[in-house]
N, C-alpha and C. Protein backbone atom coordinates (compact mmCIF):
# COMPACT_ATOMS: atom_id res chain seq x y z
N ARG A 1 0.75 -1.01 0.10
CA ARG A 1 0.10 -0.10 0.18
C ARG A 1 1.02 1.38 0.22
N GLY A 2 0.74 1.95 -1.08
CA GLY A 2 1.44 3.25 -0.49
C GLY A 2 2.14 3.52 -1.86
N PHE A 3 2.75 2.72 -2.49
CA PHE A 3 3.86 2.56 -3.31
C PHE A 3 3.24 0.98 -4.26
N ASP A 4 3.55 1.30 -5.70
CA ASP A 4 3.52 0.47 -6.40
C ASP A 4 5.11 0.00 -6.89
N ARG A 5 5.42 -1.20 -6.40
CA ARG A 5 6.48 -2.12 -6.72
C ARG A 5 6.44 -2.27 -7.85
N ASP A 6 5.48 -2.72 -8.86
CA ASP A 6 5.65 -2.67 -10.15
C ASP A 6 6.13 -1.59 -10.90
N ARG A 7 5.85 -0.47 -10.79
CA ARG A 7 5.89 0.77 -11.10
C ARG A 7 7.35 1.40 -10.83
N GLY A 8 7.84 1.20 -10.05
CA GLY A 8 9.23 1.58 -9.70
C GLY A 8 9.30 2.71 -8.60
N SER A 9 8.08 3.21 -7.94
CA SER A 9 8.05 3.99 -6.96
C SER A 9 8.51 3.58 -5.81
N PRO A 10 9.25 4.19 -4.85
CA PRO A 10 10.35 4.04 -4.09
C PRO A 10 9.31 3.95 -2.61
N PRO A 11 9.61 2.82 -2.03
CA PRO A 11 8.68 3.00 -0.57
C PRO A 11 9.30 4.11 0.56
N PRO A 12 7.92 4.50 1.15
CA PRO A 12 7.77 5.60 2.32
C PRO A 12 9.57 5.72 3.26
N PRO A 13 9.61 6.57 3.50
CA PRO A 13 11.20 6.25 4.22
C PRO A 13 10.61 5.70 5.61
N ARG A 14 11.68 5.09 6.28
CA ARG A 14 11.47 4.42 7.35
C ARG A 14 12.66 5.11 7.94
N ASP A 15 12.07 4.89 9.83
CA ASP A 15 13.30 5.23 10.81
C ASP A 15 14.05 3.78 11.36
N LYS A 16 14.79 4.04 12.23
CA LYS A 16 15.62 3.00 13.00
C LYS A 16 14.90 1.95 13.38
N GLY A 17 13.56 1.96 13.86
CA GLY A 17 12.97 1.33 14.11
C GLY A 17 11.75 -0.04 13.07
N GLY A 18 11.59 0.90 11.89
CA GLY A 18 11.48 0.14 11.54
C GLY A 18 10.00 1.05 10.50
N SER A 19 9.64 1.84 11.28
CA SER A 19 8.80 2.64 11.12
C SER A 19 8.12 3.44 10.07
N HIS A 20 7.15 3.65 9.45
CA HIS A 20 7.28 4.72 8.41
C HIS A 20 7.38 6.30 8.78
N VAL A 21 7.99 6.95 8.48
CA VAL A 21 8.31 8.27 8.62
C VAL A 21 7.67 9.69 7.80
N PHE A 22 6.47 9.96 8.24
CA PHE A 22 5.67 10.65 7.32
C PHE A 22 6.10 12.54 8.16
N PRO A 23 6.10 13.42 7.51
CA PRO A 23 6.11 14.91 7.67
C PRO A 23 5.07 15.32 8.32
N ARG A 24 5.90 15.80 9.27
CA ARG A 24 4.82 16.50 10.89
C ARG A 24 4.02 17.63 10.29
N ARG A 25 2.86 17.81 10.02
CA ARG A 25 1.69 18.86 9.82
C ARG A 25 1.75 19.87 11.64
N GLY A 26 2.28 19.83 12.42
CA GLY A 26 1.84 20.33 13.44
C GLY A 26 2.31 22.17 13.20
N PRO A 27 2.29 22.63 14.39
CA PRO A 27 2.65 24.07 14.19
C PRO A 27 3.96 24.25 14.07
N GLY A 28 4.49 24.12 14.27
CA GLY A 28 5.96 23.88 13.62
C GLY A 28 6.53 23.80 12.26
N THR A 29 5.95 23.64 11.27
CA THR A 29 5.94 22.91 10.23
C THR A 29 5.66 24.78 9.37
N HIS A 30 4.97 25.41 9.75
CA HIS A 30 4.74 26.57 8.63
C HIS A 30 5.94 27.61 9.26
N PRO A 31 6.47 27.86 7.79
CA PRO A 31 7.55 28.59 7.83
C PRO A 31 7.35 30.37 8.04
N ASN A 32 6.12 30.35 7.84
CA ASN A 32 5.76 32.21 8.51
C ASN A 32 5.15 32.29 9.58
N ARG A 33 5.32 31.59 10.68
CA ARG A 33 4.47 31.17 12.20
C ARG A 33 5.42 31.46 12.54
N VAL A 34 5.04 32.24 14.15
CA VAL A 34 6.13 32.60 15.18
C VAL A 34 5.49 32.42 16.53
N PHE A 35 5.91 32.06 17.50
CA PHE A 35 5.66 31.33 18.58
C PHE A 35 5.70 32.84 19.74
N VAL A 36 4.62 32.81 20.60
CA VAL A 36 4.96 34.65 21.48
C VAL A 36 4.61 33.77 22.52
N GLY A 37 5.44 33.65 23.70
CA GLY A 37 5.53 33.24 24.78
C GLY A 37 5.31 34.81 26.43
N GLY A 38 5.11 34.62 27.12
CA GLY A 38 5.01 35.51 28.29
C GLY A 38 4.26 37.06 27.95
N VAL A 39 3.22 36.62 27.31
CA VAL A 39 1.83 37.17 26.71
C VAL A 39 1.01 37.42 28.03
N PRO A 40 0.70 38.70 28.35
CA PRO A 40 0.06 38.49 30.08
C PRO A 40 -1.79 38.47 29.43
N LYS A 41 -1.53 37.90 30.76
CA LYS A 41 -3.23 37.94 30.60
C LYS A 41 -4.71 38.52 30.64
N VAL A 42 -4.20 39.82 30.49
CA VAL A 42 -4.77 40.63 30.01
C VAL A 42 -5.20 40.96 28.38
N THR A 43 -4.19 40.52 27.75
CA THR A 43 -3.66 41.01 26.50
C THR A 43 -5.50 40.72 25.60
N THR A 44 -5.70 41.55 24.67
CA THR A 44 -6.56 41.63 23.64
C THR A 44 -5.82 40.94 22.49
N VAL A 45 -7.35 40.08 21.75
CA VAL A 45 -6.38 39.66 20.08
C VAL A 45 -5.97 40.60 19.34
N GLU A 46 -6.96 42.14 19.79
CA GLU A 46 -7.08 43.11 18.86
C GLU A 46 -4.70 43.84 19.05
N ARG A 47 -4.88 43.76 20.64
CA ARG A 47 -3.87 44.75 20.94
C ARG A 47 -2.67 43.63 20.22
N PHE A 48 -3.01 42.20 20.33
CA PHE A 48 -1.72 41.96 19.80
C PHE A 48 -1.34 41.33 18.51
N ARG A 49 -2.73 41.45 17.60
CA ARG A 49 -2.94 41.52 16.08
C ARG A 49 -2.09 43.10 16.18
N ALA A 50 -2.09 44.02 16.53
CA ALA A 50 -1.52 45.79 16.22
C ALA A 50 -0.11 45.47 16.68
N HIS A 51 -0.03 44.28 17.59
CA HIS A 51 1.69 45.06 17.72
C HIS A 51 2.46 44.10 16.43
N PHE A 52 1.95 43.08 16.56
CA PHE A 52 2.97 42.32 15.03
C PHE A 52 2.27 42.97 14.01
N GLU A 53 1.37 43.98 13.30
CA GLU A 53 1.22 44.14 12.46
C GLU A 53 2.17 44.96 11.91
N GLN A 54 2.66 46.20 13.23
CA GLN A 54 4.04 46.90 12.45
C GLN A 54 4.99 46.41 11.81
N PHE A 55 5.19 45.40 12.17
CA PHE A 55 6.16 44.61 10.83
C PHE A 55 6.01 44.34 9.85
N GLY A 56 4.68 43.73 9.61
CA GLY A 56 3.88 43.58 8.14
C GLY A 56 3.02 42.90 8.03
N THR A 57 2.16 42.25 6.80
CA THR A 57 0.73 41.82 7.23
C THR A 57 0.49 40.35 7.71
N VAL A 58 0.01 40.26 8.81
CA VAL A 58 -0.81 39.77 9.53
C VAL A 58 -1.96 38.78 8.93
N ASP A 59 -1.58 37.23 8.75
CA ASP A 59 -2.60 36.34 8.27
C ASP A 59 -3.67 35.84 8.67
N LYS A 60 -2.75 35.45 10.08
CA LYS A 60 -3.60 34.75 11.41
C LYS A 60 -2.73 35.15 12.81
N VAL A 61 -4.08 35.03 13.88
CA VAL A 61 -3.06 34.85 15.03
C VAL A 61 -3.95 34.48 15.72
N GLU A 62 -3.41 33.66 16.47
CA GLU A 62 -3.86 32.45 17.98
C GLU A 62 -3.88 32.91 19.46
N LEU A 63 -4.02 33.65 20.11
CA LEU A 63 -4.08 33.80 21.53
C LEU A 63 -4.50 32.94 22.31
N ASP A 64 -3.76 32.72 23.67
CA ASP A 64 -3.97 31.53 24.82
C ASP A 64 -3.88 32.52 25.59
N ALA A 65 -4.46 33.39 25.93
CA ALA A 65 -3.88 35.10 27.22
C ALA A 65 -3.77 34.28 28.16
N SER A 66 -4.73 33.24 28.32
CA SER A 66 -5.04 32.88 30.09
C SER A 66 -3.59 31.52 30.01
N ARG A 67 -3.06 31.16 29.22
CA ARG A 67 -1.87 30.31 29.38
C ARG A 67 -0.46 31.20 28.83
N SER A 68 -0.82 32.77 28.40
CA SER A 68 0.41 33.27 28.84
C SER A 68 1.10 32.84 26.69
N PHE A 69 0.44 32.86 25.77
CA PHE A 69 1.36 32.14 24.80
C PHE A 69 0.43 32.77 22.98
N GLY A 70 1.19 33.30 22.19
CA GLY A 70 -0.08 32.89 21.19
C GLY A 70 0.64 32.31 19.94
N PHE A 71 0.58 32.79 18.69
CA PHE A 71 1.22 32.10 18.02
C PHE A 71 0.51 33.13 16.28
N VAL A 72 1.36 33.61 15.88
CA VAL A 72 1.10 34.86 14.58
C VAL A 72 1.87 34.01 13.55
N THR A 73 0.82 34.11 12.39
CA THR A 73 1.04 33.70 11.18
C THR A 73 1.79 34.92 10.16
N PHE A 74 2.49 35.43 9.78
CA PHE A 74 2.45 36.22 8.63
C PHE A 74 2.60 35.86 7.06
N ALA A 75 2.43 36.66 5.93
CA ALA A 75 1.94 36.65 4.59
C ALA A 75 2.95 36.48 4.23
N ASP A 76 4.13 37.07 4.79
CA ASP A 76 6.01 37.05 4.11
C ASP A 76 6.96 36.50 4.90
N HIS A 77 8.06 35.54 4.68
CA HIS A 77 8.74 34.83 5.25
C HIS A 77 9.75 35.86 5.55
N ALA A 78 10.42 37.19 5.24
CA ALA A 78 11.17 37.93 5.28
C ALA A 78 10.01 39.01 6.48
N VAL A 79 9.06 39.04 6.58
CA VAL A 79 8.66 39.37 7.49
C VAL A 79 9.19 38.90 9.14
N VAL A 80 8.93 37.28 9.02
CA VAL A 80 9.39 36.55 10.33
C VAL A 80 10.97 36.77 10.46
N GLU A 81 11.68 36.55 9.55
CA GLU A 81 12.76 36.97 9.94
C GLU A 81 13.20 38.42 10.63
N ARG A 82 12.50 39.31 10.15
CA ARG A 82 12.93 40.93 11.27
C ARG A 82 12.29 40.53 12.69
N VAL A 83 11.26 39.79 12.70
CA VAL A 83 10.63 39.75 13.69
C VAL A 83 11.63 38.74 14.80
N LEU A 84 11.94 37.64 14.21
CA LEU A 84 12.96 36.84 14.94
C LEU A 84 14.00 37.85 15.41
N ALA A 85 14.44 38.33 14.54
CA ALA A 85 15.48 39.49 14.96
C ALA A 85 15.97 40.04 16.28
N VAL A 86 14.39 40.25 16.70
CA VAL A 86 14.30 41.13 17.94
C VAL A 86 14.04 39.22 19.32
N ARG A 87 14.42 39.09 19.78
CA ARG A 87 13.79 37.75 20.47
C ARG A 87 12.89 37.85 21.63
N MET A 88 13.56 39.58 22.47
CA MET A 88 12.59 39.87 23.22
C MET A 88 12.16 41.28 23.14
N GLN A 89 10.76 41.21 22.89
CA GLN A 89 10.28 42.89 22.41
C GLN A 89 8.94 43.23 23.44
N LEU A 90 9.45 44.52 23.26
CA LEU A 90 8.42 45.34 24.06
C LEU A 90 7.07 45.46 23.79
N PHE A 91 6.36 44.90 24.70
CA PHE A 91 4.50 44.69 24.44
C PHE A 91 3.78 45.65 25.17
N ALA A 92 2.58 46.81 23.97
CA ALA A 92 2.15 47.45 25.23
C ALA A 92 0.56 46.85 25.22
N HIS A 93 0.64 45.86 26.10
CA HIS A 93 -0.90 45.16 26.63
C HIS A 93 -1.70 46.14 26.84
N THR A 94 -2.07 47.40 27.26
CA THR A 94 -2.59 48.19 27.60
C THR A 94 -2.40 49.86 27.01
N ALA A 95 -3.02 50.21 27.03
CA ALA A 95 -2.97 51.50 27.03
C ALA A 95 -1.81 52.40 28.01
N ASN A 96 -1.75 51.81 29.21
CA ASN A 96 -0.42 52.30 30.08
C ASN A 96 0.25 51.25 30.27
N ALA A 97 0.86 49.74 29.96
CA ALA A 97 0.83 48.63 30.55
C ALA A 97 1.98 48.38 29.50
N THR A 98 3.40 48.01 29.41
CA THR A 98 3.86 46.92 28.58
C THR A 98 4.84 46.01 29.77
N ALA A 99 5.20 44.94 28.48
CA ALA A 99 5.71 43.62 29.01
C ALA A 99 6.84 43.15 27.93
N TYR A 100 7.62 42.68 28.26
CA TYR A 100 8.66 41.84 27.42
C TYR A 100 8.04 40.62 27.31
N VAL A 101 8.14 39.80 25.84
CA VAL A 101 7.61 39.44 25.27
C VAL A 101 8.44 38.19 24.48
N GLU A 102 8.26 37.40 24.89
CA GLU A 102 9.65 36.36 23.47
C GLU A 102 8.85 35.85 22.42
N VAL A 103 9.57 35.76 21.38
CA VAL A 103 9.75 35.35 20.49
C VAL A 103 10.55 34.64 19.93
N ARG A 104 9.70 33.48 19.06
CA ARG A 104 10.69 32.20 18.34
C ARG A 104 10.07 31.90 17.41
N LYS A 105 10.97 30.89 16.87
CA LYS A 105 10.11 30.06 15.87
C LYS A 105 9.30 28.65 16.84
N PRO A 106 8.11 28.04 16.58
CA PRO A 106 7.31 27.41 17.39
C PRO A 106 8.41 25.58 17.09
N LYS A 107 7.91 25.06 18.54
CA LYS A 107 8.57 23.90 18.29
C LYS A 107 7.28 23.09 17.61
N PRO A 108 7.80 22.14 17.10
CA PRO A 108 6.40 21.16 16.59
C PRO A 108 6.29 19.74 18.12
N ARG A 109 4.44 19.61 17.99
CA ARG A 109 4.60 19.20 18.72
C ARG A 109 4.77 17.74 19.08
N ARG A 110 4.90 16.95 20.30
CA ARG A 110 5.35 15.95 20.60
C ARG A 110 3.95 14.62 20.38
């Protein structure tokens, strides 16, 4: 299944244990996505999006402020490189309050 020996297509790759290896489709696989940690619990999606729109076009924002993290997906990979250049960013989470948030590439789920 999955390949045809008669037609000469190669079998799927296997890891050392003999199991098939398939590419992950988790949050770490999207090249235009960044993880943002240390987000204050009072942060709104609107403020979160506005902060990252200063770097470039934002396609998608996922915020779980109760767990103090979020993900931002940008339209262009060059924007991601600019955002990742400054790991700790000063984020204005309310009109009168700021906090530092950590921005990095997302790690795949286990």
